């Protein structure tokens, strides 16, 4: 199966306008989700982890008391791909 290529910066910027909670770094998209406590954040991480395993595409995860930070990038493409945007939308749906 062919791996996706990094998306044009303008395409990612257009997606970010529609998903204002997300920010862009040089090669990734990042969002911090607030949670009422550690257990709620951990439950979210487990659900995102299950999604990531099914899609064979995994985020960098930072779990703290009261928040979770997800970073999506496609390392072998050197940037943001359709896999990242789709996974970010799925994570948003999980968060509610």
PDB file of N, CA and C in Angstrom:
ATOM      1  N   UNK A   1       0.845  -1.179   0.000  1.00  0.00           N
ATOM      2  CA  UNK A   1       0.000   0.000   0.000  1.00  0.00           C
ATOM      3  C   UNK A   1       0.894   1.247   0.000  1.00  0.00           C
ATOM      4  N   UNK A   2       0.603   2.178  -0.852  1.00  0.00           N
ATOM      5  CA  UNK A   2       1.395   3.407  -0.946  1.00  0.00           C
ATOM      6  C   UNK A   2       1.102   4.319   0.244  1.00  0.00           C
ATOM      7  N   UNK A   3       2.152   4.867   0.796  1.00  0.00           N
ATOM      8  CA  UNK A   3       2.002   5.806   1.909  1.00  0.00           C
ATOM      9  C   UNK A   3       1.660   7.179   1.354  1.00  0.00           C
ATOM     10  N   UNK A   4       0.861   7.957   2.079  1.00  0.00           N
ATOM     11  CA  UNK A   4       0.514   9.298   1.593  1.00  0.00           C
ATOM     12  C   UNK A   4       1.712  10.240   1.633  1.00  0.00           C
ATOM     13  N   UNK A   5       1.620  11.285   0.832  1.00  0.00           N
ATOM     14  CA  UNK A   5       2.676  12.299   0.799  1.00  0.00           C
ATOM     15  C   UNK A   5       2.239  13.497   1.632  1.00  0.00           C
ATOM     16  N   UNK A   6       3.204  14.294   2.036  1.00  0.00           N
ATOM     17  CA  UNK A   6       2.909  15.501   2.814  1.00  0.00           C
ATOM     18  C   UNK A   6       2.016  16.422   1.991  1.00  0.00           C
ATOM     19  N   UNK A   7       1.039  17.004   2.676  1.00  0.00           N
ATOM     20  CA  UNK A   7       0.092  17.897   2.021  1.00  0.00           C
ATOM     21  C   UNK A   7       0.696  19.282   1.823  1.00  0.00           C
ATOM     22  N   UNK A   8       0.218  19.952   0.810  1.00  0.00           N
ATOM     23  CA  UNK A   8       0.587  21.333   0.553  1.00  0.00           C
ATOM     24  C   UNK A   8       0.221  22.191   1.768  1.00  0.00           C
ATOM     25  N   UNK A   9       1.078  23.112   2.125  1.00  0.00           N
ATOM     26  CA  UNK A   9       0.865  23.964   3.302  1.00  0.00           C
ATOM     27  C   UNK A   9      -0.485  24.694   3.246  1.00  0.00           C
ATOM     28  N   UNK A  10      -0.880  25.172   2.078  1.00  0.00           N
ATOM     29  CA  UNK A  10      -2.157  25.886   1.942  1.00  0.00           C
ATOM     30  C   UNK A  10      -3.341  24.975   2.264  1.00  0.00           C
ATOM     31  N   UNK A  11      -3.247  23.719   1.888  1.00  0.00           N
ATOM     32  CA  UNK A  11      -4.310  22.765   2.192  1.00  0.00           C
ATOM     33  C   UNK A  11      -4.436  22.550   3.697  1.00  0.00           C
ATOM     34  N   UNK A  12      -3.309  22.409   4.367  1.00  0.00           N
ATOM     35  CA  UNK A  12      -3.318  22.236   5.824  1.00  0.00           C
ATOM     36  C   UNK A  12      -3.844  23.508   6.496  1.00  0.00           C
ATOM     37  N   UNK A  13      -3.441  24.659   6.020  1.00  0.00           N
ATOM     38  CA  UNK A  13      -3.916  25.933   6.589  1.00  0.00           C
ATOM     39  C   UNK A  13      -5.430  26.060   6.436  1.00  0.00           C
ATOM     40  N   UNK A  14      -5.976  25.650   5.294  1.00  0.00           N
ATOM     41  CA  UNK A  14      -7.430  25.680   5.097  1.00  0.00           C
ATOM     42  C   UNK A  14      -8.117  24.756   6.089  1.00  0.00           C
ATOM     43  N   UNK A  15      -7.535  23.573   6.321  1.00  0.00           N
ATOM     44  CA  UNK A  15      -8.102  22.640   7.296  1.00  0.00           C
ATOM     45  C   UNK A  15      -8.068  23.256   8.693  1.00  0.00           C
ATOM     46  N   UNK A  16      -6.972  23.913   9.038  1.00  0.00           N
ATOM     47  CA  UNK A  16      -6.835  24.534  10.359  1.00  0.00           C
ATOM     48  C   UNK A  16      -7.873  25.633  10.576  1.00  0.00           C
ATOM     49  N   UNK A  17      -8.233  26.356   9.540  1.00  0.00           N
ATOM     50  CA  UNK A  17      -9.275  27.391   9.672  1.00  0.00           C
ATOM     51  C   UNK A  17     -10.602  26.782  10.070  1.00  0.00           C
ATOM     52  N   UNK A  18     -10.865  25.575   9.601  1.00  0.00           N
ATOM     53  CA  UNK A  18     -12.102  24.873   9.940  1.00  0.00           C
ATOM     54  C   UNK A  18     -12.000  24.106  11.257  1.00  0.00           C
ATOM     55  N   UNK A  19     -10.807  23.986  11.798  1.00  0.00           N
ATOM     56  CA  UNK A  19     -10.550  23.234  13.037  1.00  0.00           C
ATOM     57  C   UNK A  19      -9.665  24.102  13.934  1.00  0.00           C
ATOM     58  N   UNK A  20     -10.238  25.150  14.461  1.00  0.00           N
ATOM     59  CA  UNK A  20      -9.462  26.206  15.125  1.00  0.00           C
ATOM     60  C   UNK A  20      -8.761  25.775  16.416  1.00  0.00           C
ATOM     61  N   UNK A  21      -9.147  24.657  16.990  1.00  0.00           N
ATOM     62  CA  UNK A  21      -8.484  24.196  18.216  1.00  0.00           C
ATOM     63  C   UNK A  21      -7.101  23.598  17.919  1.00  0.00           C
ATOM     64  N   UNK A  22      -6.833  23.308  16.654  1.00  0.00           N
ATOM     65  CA  UNK A  22      -5.565  22.716  16.243  1.00  0.00           C
ATOM     66  C   UNK A  22      -4.594  23.797  15.827  1.00  0.00           C
ATOM     67  N   UNK A  23      -3.312  23.530  16.070  1.00  0.00           N
ATOM     68  CA  UNK A  23      -2.242  24.430  15.654  1.00  0.00           C
ATOM     69  C   UNK A  23      -1.247  23.651  14.814  1.00  0.00           C
ATOM     70  N   UNK A  24      -0.471  24.374  14.039  1.00  0.00           N
ATOM     71  CA  UNK A  24       0.530  23.735  13.198  1.00  0.00           C
ATOM     72  C   UNK A  24       1.927  24.037  13.718  1.00  0.00           C
ATOM     73  N   UNK A  25       2.788  23.031  13.661  1.00  0.00           N
ATOM     74  CA  UNK A  25       4.220  23.235  13.852  1.00  0.00           C
ATOM     75  C   UNK A  25       4.852  23.058  12.474  1.00  0.00           C
ATOM     76  N   UNK A  26       6.149  22.992  12.407  1.00  0.00           N
ATOM     77  CA  UNK A  26       6.807  22.818  11.104  1.00  0.00           C
ATOM     78  C   UNK A  26       6.338  21.568  10.375  1.00  0.00           C
ATOM     79  N   UNK A  27       6.170  20.467  11.096  1.00  0.00           N
ATOM     80  CA  UNK A  27       5.842  19.201  10.427  1.00  0.00           C
ATOM     81  C   UNK A  27       4.661  18.461  11.051  1.00  0.00           C
ATOM     82  N   UNK A  28       3.856  19.136  11.880  1.00  0.00           N
ATOM     83  CA  UNK A  28       2.801  18.427  12.590  1.00  0.00           C
ATOM     84  C   UNK A  28       1.616  19.344  12.865  1.00  0.00           C
ATOM     85  N   UNK A  29       0.524  18.716  13.300  1.00  0.00           N
ATOM     86  CA  UNK A  29      -0.601  19.449  13.860  1.00  0.00           C
ATOM     87  C   UNK A  29      -0.731  19.023  15.318  1.00  0.00           C
ATOM     88  N   UNK A  30      -1.105  19.964  16.170  1.00  0.00           N
ATOM     89  CA  UNK A  30      -1.091  19.752  17.617  1.00  0.00           C
ATOM     90  C   UNK A  30      -2.366  20.311  18.232  1.00  0.00           C
ATOM     91  N   UNK A  31      -2.900  19.590  19.206  1.00  0.00           N
ATOM     92  CA  UNK A  31      -4.036  20.102  19.972  1.00  0.00           C
ATOM     93  C   UNK A  31      -3.911  19.647  21.417  1.00  0.00           C
ATOM     94  N   UNK A  32      -4.292  20.544  22.311  1.00  0.00           N
ATOM     95  CA  UNK A  32      -4.368  20.209  23.727  1.00  0.00           C
ATOM     96  C   UNK A  32      -5.845  20.146  24.106  1.00  0.00           C
ATOM     97  N   UNK A  33      -6.234  19.029  24.721  1.00  0.00           N
ATOM     98  CA  UNK A  33      -7.606  18.803  25.158  1.00  0.00           C
ATOM     99  C   UNK A  33      -7.676  18.955  26.675  1.00  0.00           C
ATOM    100  N   UNK A  34      -8.619  19.730  27.193  1.00  0.00           N
ATOM    101  CA  UNK A  34      -8.776  19.836  28.646  1.00  0.00           C
ATOM    102  C   UNK A  34      -9.654  18.694  29.183  1.00  0.00           C
ATOM    103  N   UNK A  35      -9.323  18.231  30.374  1.00  0.00           N
ATOM    104  CA  UNK A  35     -10.126  17.210  31.046  1.00  0.00           C
ATOM    105  C   UNK A  35     -10.278  17.569  32.516  1.00  0.00           C
ATOM    106  N   UNK A  36     -11.326  17.079  33.115  1.00  0.00           N
ATOM    107  CA  UNK A  36     -11.625  17.411  34.509  1.00  0.00           C
ATOM    108  C   UNK A  36     -10.620  16.794  35.479  1.00  0.00           C
ATOM    109  N   UNK A  37      -9.996  15.695  35.069  1.00  0.00           N
ATOM    110  CA  UNK A  37      -9.073  15.004  35.963  1.00  0.00           C
ATOM    111  C   UNK A  37      -8.178  14.059  35.157  1.00  0.00           C
ATOM    112  N   UNK A  38      -7.269  13.418  35.833  1.00  0.00           N
ATOM    113  CA  UNK A  38      -6.331  12.514  35.189  1.00  0.00           C
ATOM    114  C   UNK A  38      -7.038  11.316  34.575  1.00  0.00           C
ATOM    115  N   UNK A  39      -7.990  10.738  35.288  1.00  0.00           N
ATOM    116  CA  UNK A  39      -8.677   9.538  34.805  1.00  0.00           C
ATOM    117  C   UNK A  39      -9.411   9.800  33.494  1.00  0.00           C
ATOM    118  N   UNK A  40     -10.035  10.952  33.365  1.00  0.00           N
ATOM    119  CA  UNK A  40     -10.748  11.293  32.123  1.00  0.00           C
ATOM    120  C   UNK A  40      -9.768  11.431  30.958  1.00  0.00           C
ATOM    121  N   UNK A  41      -8.648  12.059  31.210  1.00  0.00           N
ATOM    122  CA  UNK A  41      -7.624  12.185  30.181  1.00  0.00           C
ATOM    123  C   UNK A  41      -7.068  10.836  29.775  1.00  0.00           C
ATOM    124  N   UNK A  42      -6.834   9.981  30.760  1.00  0.00           N
ATOM    125  CA  UNK A  42      -6.314   8.643  30.485  1.00  0.00           C
ATOM    126  C   UNK A  42      -7.304   7.835  29.650  1.00  0.00           C
ATOM    127  N   UNK A  43      -8.583   7.927  29.964  1.00  0.00           N
ATOM    128  CA  UNK A  43      -9.606   7.213  29.188  1.00  0.00           C
ATOM    129  C   UNK A  43      -9.601   7.685  27.734  1.00  0.00           C
ATOM    130  N   UNK A  44      -9.439   8.983  27.524  1.00  0.00           N
ATOM    131  CA  UNK A  44      -9.349   9.535  26.177  1.00  0.00           C
ATOM    132  C   UNK A  44      -8.129   8.977  25.450  1.00  0.00           C
ATOM    133  N   UNK A  45      -6.995   8.937  26.121  1.00  0.00           N
ATOM    134  CA  UNK A  45      -5.766   8.413  25.522  1.00  0.00           C
ATOM    135  C   UNK A  45      -5.944   6.954  25.115  1.00  0.00           C
ATOM    136  N   UNK A  46      -6.606   6.169  25.934  1.00  0.00           N
ATOM    137  CA  UNK A  46      -6.833   4.761  25.604  1.00  0.00           C
ATOM    138  C   UNK A  46      -7.694   4.646  24.351  1.00  0.00           C
ATOM    139  N   UNK A  47      -8.733   5.450  24.251  1.00  0.00           N
ATOM    140  CA  UNK A  47      -9.610   5.405  23.071  1.00  0.00           C
ATOM    141  C   UNK A  47      -8.859   5.855  21.811  1.00  0.00           C
ATOM    142  N   UNK A  48      -8.074   6.920  21.932  1.00  0.00           N
ATOM    143  CA  UNK A  48      -7.274   7.373  20.789  1.00  0.00           C
ATOM    144  C   UNK A  48      -6.246   6.303  20.421  1.00  0.00           C
ATOM    145  N   UNK A  49      -5.679   5.648  21.418  1.00  0.00           N
ATOM    146  CA  UNK A  49      -4.717   4.574  21.162  1.00  0.00           C
ATOM    147  C   UNK A  49      -5.336   3.421  20.402  1.00  0.00           C
ATOM    148  N   UNK A  50      -6.553   3.062  20.729  1.00  0.00           N
ATOM    149  CA  UNK A  50      -7.247   1.992  20.000  1.00  0.00           C
ATOM    150  C   UNK A  50      -7.494   2.403  18.550  1.00  0.00           C
ATOM    151  N   UNK A  51      -7.913   3.642  18.351  1.00  0.00           N
ATOM    152  CA  UNK A  51      -8.098   4.183  17.008  1.00  0.00           C
ATOM    153  C   UNK A  51      -6.781   4.138  16.232  1.00  0.00           C
ATOM    154  N   UNK A  52      -5.712   4.564  16.876  1.00  0.00           N
ATOM    155  CA  UNK A  52      -4.396   4.598  16.231  1.00  0.00           C
ATOM    156  C   UNK A  52      -3.946   3.198  15.825  1.00  0.00           C
ATOM    157  N   UNK A  53      -4.179   2.222  16.674  1.00  0.00           N
ATOM    158  CA  UNK A  53      -3.803   0.846  16.347  1.00  0.00           C
ATOM    159  C   UNK A  53      -4.586   0.340  15.145  1.00  0.00           C
ATOM    160  N   UNK A  54      -5.881   0.617  15.100  1.00  0.00           N
ATOM    161  CA  UNK A  54      -6.701   0.169  13.970  1.00  0.00           C
ATOM    162  C   UNK A  54      -6.231   0.794  12.662  1.00  0.00           C
ATOM    163  N   UNK A  55      -5.791   2.051  12.729  1.00  0.00           N
ATOM    164  CA  UNK A  55      -5.367   2.769  11.519  1.00  0.00           C
ATOM    165  C   UNK A  55      -3.874   2.611  11.234  1.00  0.00           C
ATOM    166  N   UNK A  56      -3.161   1.989  12.161  1.00  0.00           N
ATOM    167  CA  UNK A  56      -1.700   1.860  12.069  1.00  0.00           C
ATOM    168  C   UNK A  56      -1.047   3.220  11.821  1.00  0.00           C
ATOM    169  N   UNK A  57      -1.522   4.195  12.598  1.00  0.00           N
ATOM    170  CA  UNK A  57      -0.993   5.561  12.526  1.00  0.00           C
ATOM    171  C   UNK A  57      -1.120   6.151  13.918  1.00  0.00           C
ATOM    172  N   UNK A  58       0.006   6.503  14.524  1.00  0.00           N
ATOM    173  CA  UNK A  58       0.045   6.800  15.952  1.00  0.00           C
ATOM    174  C   UNK A  58       0.503   8.227  16.243  1.00  0.00           C
ATOM    175  N   UNK A  59      -0.166   8.890  17.179  1.00  0.00           N
ATOM    176  CA  UNK A  59       0.250  10.248  17.554  1.00  0.00           C
ATOM    177  C   UNK A  59       1.311  10.209  18.641  1.00  0.00           C
ATOM    178  N   UNK A  60       1.963  11.341  18.834  1.00  0.00           N
ATOM    179  CA  UNK A  60       2.724  11.551  20.054  1.00  0.00           C
ATOM    180  C   UNK A  60       1.701  12.035  21.080  1.00  0.00           C
ATOM    181  N   UNK A  61       1.771  11.485  22.272  1.00  0.00           N
ATOM    182  CA  UNK A  61       0.781  11.774  23.312  1.00  0.00           C
ATOM    183  C   UNK A  61       1.484  12.294  24.555  1.00  0.00           C
ATOM    184  N   UNK A  62       0.964  13.387  25.096  1.00  0.00           N
ATOM    185  CA  UNK A  62       1.438  13.903  26.373  1.00  0.00           C
ATOM    186  C   UNK A  62       0.231  13.954  27.307  1.00  0.00           C
ATOM    187  N   UNK A  63       0.254  13.109  28.320  1.00  0.00           N
ATOM    188  CA  UNK A  63      -0.836  13.011  29.290  1.00  0.00           C
ATOM    189  C   UNK A  63      -0.420  13.692  30.582  1.00  0.00           C
ATOM    190  N   UNK A  64      -1.236  14.639  31.006  1.00  0.00           N
ATOM    191  CA  UNK A  64      -1.004  15.341  32.275  1.00  0.00           C
ATOM    192  C   UNK A  64      -2.300  15.373  33.055  1.00  0.00           C
ATOM    193  N   UNK A  65      -2.215  15.722  34.324  1.00  0.00           N
ATOM    194  CA  UNK A  65      -3.435  15.898  35.091  1.00  0.00           C
ATOM    195  C   UNK A  65      -4.199  17.047  34.447  1.00  0.00           C
ATOM    196  N   UNK A  66      -5.407  16.764  33.986  1.00  0.00           N
ATOM    197  CA  UNK A  66      -6.281  17.805  33.443  1.00  0.00           C
ATOM    198  C   UNK A  66      -6.101  18.114  31.969  1.00  0.00           C
ATOM    199  N   UNK A  67      -5.179  17.448  31.274  1.00  0.00           N
ATOM    200  CA  UNK A  67      -5.048  17.714  29.843  1.00  0.00           C
ATOM    201  C   UNK A  67      -4.300  16.600  29.120  1.00  0.00           C
ATOM    202  N   UNK A  68      -4.567  16.537  27.824  1.00  0.00           N
ATOM    203  CA  UNK A  68      -3.864  15.623  26.921  1.00  0.00           C
ATOM    204  C   UNK A  68      -3.485  16.433  25.697  1.00  0.00           C
ATOM    205  N   UNK A  69      -2.251  16.289  25.280  1.00  0.00           N
ATOM    206  CA  UNK A  69      -1.766  16.956  24.066  1.00  0.00           C
ATOM    207  C   UNK A  69      -1.473  15.883  23.027  1.00  0.00           C
ATOM    208  N   UNK A  70      -2.102  16.008  21.858  1.00  0.00           N
ATOM    209  CA  UNK A  70      -1.850  15.091  20.749  1.00  0.00           C
ATOM    210  C   UNK A  70      -1.078  15.818  19.659  1.00  0.00           C
ATOM    211  N   UNK A  71      -0.104  15.140  19.103  1.00  0.00           N
ATOM    212  CA  UNK A  71       0.652  15.643  17.964  1.00  0.00           C
ATOM    213  C   UNK A  71       0.583  14.594  16.866  1.00  0.00           C
ATOM    214  N   UNK A  72       0.050  14.999  15.727  1.00  0.00           N
ATOM    215  CA  UNK A  72      -0.049  14.103  14.577  1.00  0.00           C
ATOM    216  C   UNK A  72       0.899  14.564  13.482  1.00  0.00           C
ATOM    217  N   UNK A  73       1.677  13.661  12.956  1.00  0.00           N
ATOM    218  CA  UNK A  73       2.529  13.884  11.802  1.00  0.00           C
ATOM    219  C   UNK A  73       2.801  12.530  11.167  1.00  0.00           C
ATOM    220  N   UNK A  74       3.148  12.545   9.898  1.00  0.00           N
ATOM    221  CA  UNK A  74       3.529  11.313   9.220  1.00  0.00           C
ATOM    222  C   UNK A  74       5.032  11.396   8.989  1.00  0.00           C
ATOM    223  N   UNK A  75       5.779  10.755   9.868  1.00  0.00           N
ATOM    224  CA  UNK A  75       7.234  10.880   9.883  1.00  0.00           C
ATOM    225  C   UNK A  75       7.870  10.518   8.543  1.00  0.00           C
ATOM    226  N   UNK A  76       7.422   9.414   7.944  1.00  0.00           N
ATOM    227  CA  UNK A  76       8.064   8.998   6.702  1.00  0.00           C
ATOM    228  C   UNK A  76       7.717   9.908   5.520  1.00  0.00           C
ATOM    229  N   UNK A  77       6.697  10.765   5.669  1.00  0.00           N
ATOM    230  CA  UNK A  77       6.368  11.745   4.628  1.00  0.00           C
ATOM    231  C   UNK A  77       6.995  13.101   4.939  1.00  0.00           C
ATOM    232  N   UNK A  78       7.490  13.251   6.151  1.00  0.00           N
ATOM    233  CA  UNK A  78       8.126  14.504   6.536  1.00  0.00           C
ATOM    234  C   UNK A  78       7.163  15.649   6.781  1.00  0.00           C
ATOM    235  N   UNK A  79       5.934  15.326   7.125  1.00  0.00           N
ATOM    236  CA  UNK A  79       4.962  16.392   7.383  1.00  0.00           C
ATOM    237  C   UNK A  79       3.561  15.863   7.594  1.00  0.00           C
ATOM    238  N   UNK A  80       2.600  16.757   7.454  1.00  0.00           N
ATOM    239  CA  UNK A  80       1.192  16.440   7.667  1.00  0.00           C
ATOM    240  C   UNK A  80       0.617  15.827   6.389  1.00  0.00           C
ATOM    241  N   UNK A  81      -0.071  14.697   6.556  1.00  0.00           N
ATOM    242  CA  UNK A  81      -0.723  14.022   5.433  1.00  0.00           C
ATOM    243  C   UNK A  81      -2.213  13.873   5.729  1.00  0.00           C
ATOM    244  N   UNK A  82      -2.921  13.306   4.782  1.00  0.00           N
ATOM    245  CA  UNK A  82      -4.350  13.044   4.987  1.00  0.00           C
ATOM    246  C   UNK A  82      -4.574  12.125   6.188  1.00  0.00           C
ATOM    247  N   UNK A  83      -3.641  11.227   6.464  1.00  0.00           N
ATOM    248  CA  UNK A  83      -3.763  10.358   7.638  1.00  0.00           C
ATOM    249  C   UNK A  83      -3.871  11.179   8.921  1.00  0.00           C
ATOM    250  N   UNK A  84      -3.083  12.237   9.013  1.00  0.00           N
ATOM    251  CA  UNK A  84      -3.062  13.068  10.214  1.00  0.00           C
ATOM    252  C   UNK A  84      -4.370  13.846  10.374  1.00  0.00           C
ATOM    253  N   UNK A  85      -4.856  14.423   9.285  1.00  0.00           N
ATOM    254  CA  UNK A  85      -6.095  15.200   9.361  1.00  0.00           C
ATOM    255  C   UNK A  85      -7.272  14.307   9.724  1.00  0.00           C
ATOM    256  N   UNK A  86      -7.326  13.128   9.125  1.00  0.00           N
ATOM    257  CA  UNK A  86      -8.405  12.190   9.449  1.00  0.00           C
ATOM    258  C   UNK A  86      -8.320  11.718  10.899  1.00  0.00           C
ATOM    259  N   UNK A  87      -7.131  11.445  11.372  1.00  0.00           N
ATOM    260  CA  UNK A  87      -6.961  10.998  12.755  1.00  0.00           C
ATOM    261  C   UNK A  87      -7.296  12.108  13.738  1.00  0.00           C
ATOM    262  N   UNK A  88      -6.929  13.336  13.410  1.00  0.00           N
ATOM    263  CA  UNK A  88      -7.251  14.479  14.273  1.00  0.00           C
ATOM    264  C   UNK A  88      -8.760  14.665  14.377  1.00  0.00           C
ATOM    265  N   UNK A  89      -9.458  14.530  13.270  1.00  0.00           N
ATOM    266  CA  UNK A  89     -10.921  14.638  13.290  1.00  0.00           C
ATOM    267  C   UNK A  89     -11.535  13.515  14.112  1.00  0.00           C
ATOM    268  N   UNK A  90     -10.992  12.316  13.996  1.00  0.00           N
ATOM    269  CA  UNK A  90     -11.495  11.194  14.789  1.00  0.00           C
ATOM    270  C   UNK A  90     -11.247  11.411  16.270  1.00  0.00           C
ATOM    271  N   UNK A  91     -10.085  11.962  16.630  1.00  0.00           N
ATOM    272  CA  UNK A  91      -9.787  12.264  18.037  1.00  0.00           C
ATOM    273  C   UNK A  91     -10.746  13.327  18.570  1.00  0.00           C
ATOM    274  N   UNK A  92     -11.056  14.322  17.749  1.00  0.00           N
ATOM    275  CA  UNK A  92     -12.026  15.337  18.155  1.00  0.00           C
ATOM    276  C   UNK A  92     -13.390  14.712  18.422  1.00  0.00           C
ATOM    277  N   UNK A  93     -13.780  13.779  17.575  1.00  0.00           N
ATOM    278  CA  UNK A  93     -15.070  13.089  17.761  1.00  0.00           C
ATOM    279  C   UNK A  93     -15.072  12.280  19.062  1.00  0.00           C
ATOM    280  N   UNK A  94     -13.954  11.638  19.367  1.00  0.00           N
ATOM    281  CA  UNK A  94     -13.848  10.886  20.620  1.00  0.00           C
ATOM    282  C   UNK A  94     -13.968  11.832  21.815  1.00  0.00           C
ATOM    283  N   UNK A  95     -13.329  12.991  21.713  1.00  0.00           N
ATOM    284  CA  UNK A  95     -13.365  13.955  22.813  1.00  0.00           C
ATOM    285  C   UNK A  95     -14.767  14.545  23.012  1.00  0.00           C
ATOM    286  N   UNK A  96     -15.539  14.545  21.930  1.00  0.00           N
ATOM    287  CA  UNK A  96     -16.911  15.053  22.017  1.00  0.00           C
ATOM    288  C   UNK A  96     -17.072  16.475  21.835  1.00  0.00           C
TER     289      UNK A  96
END
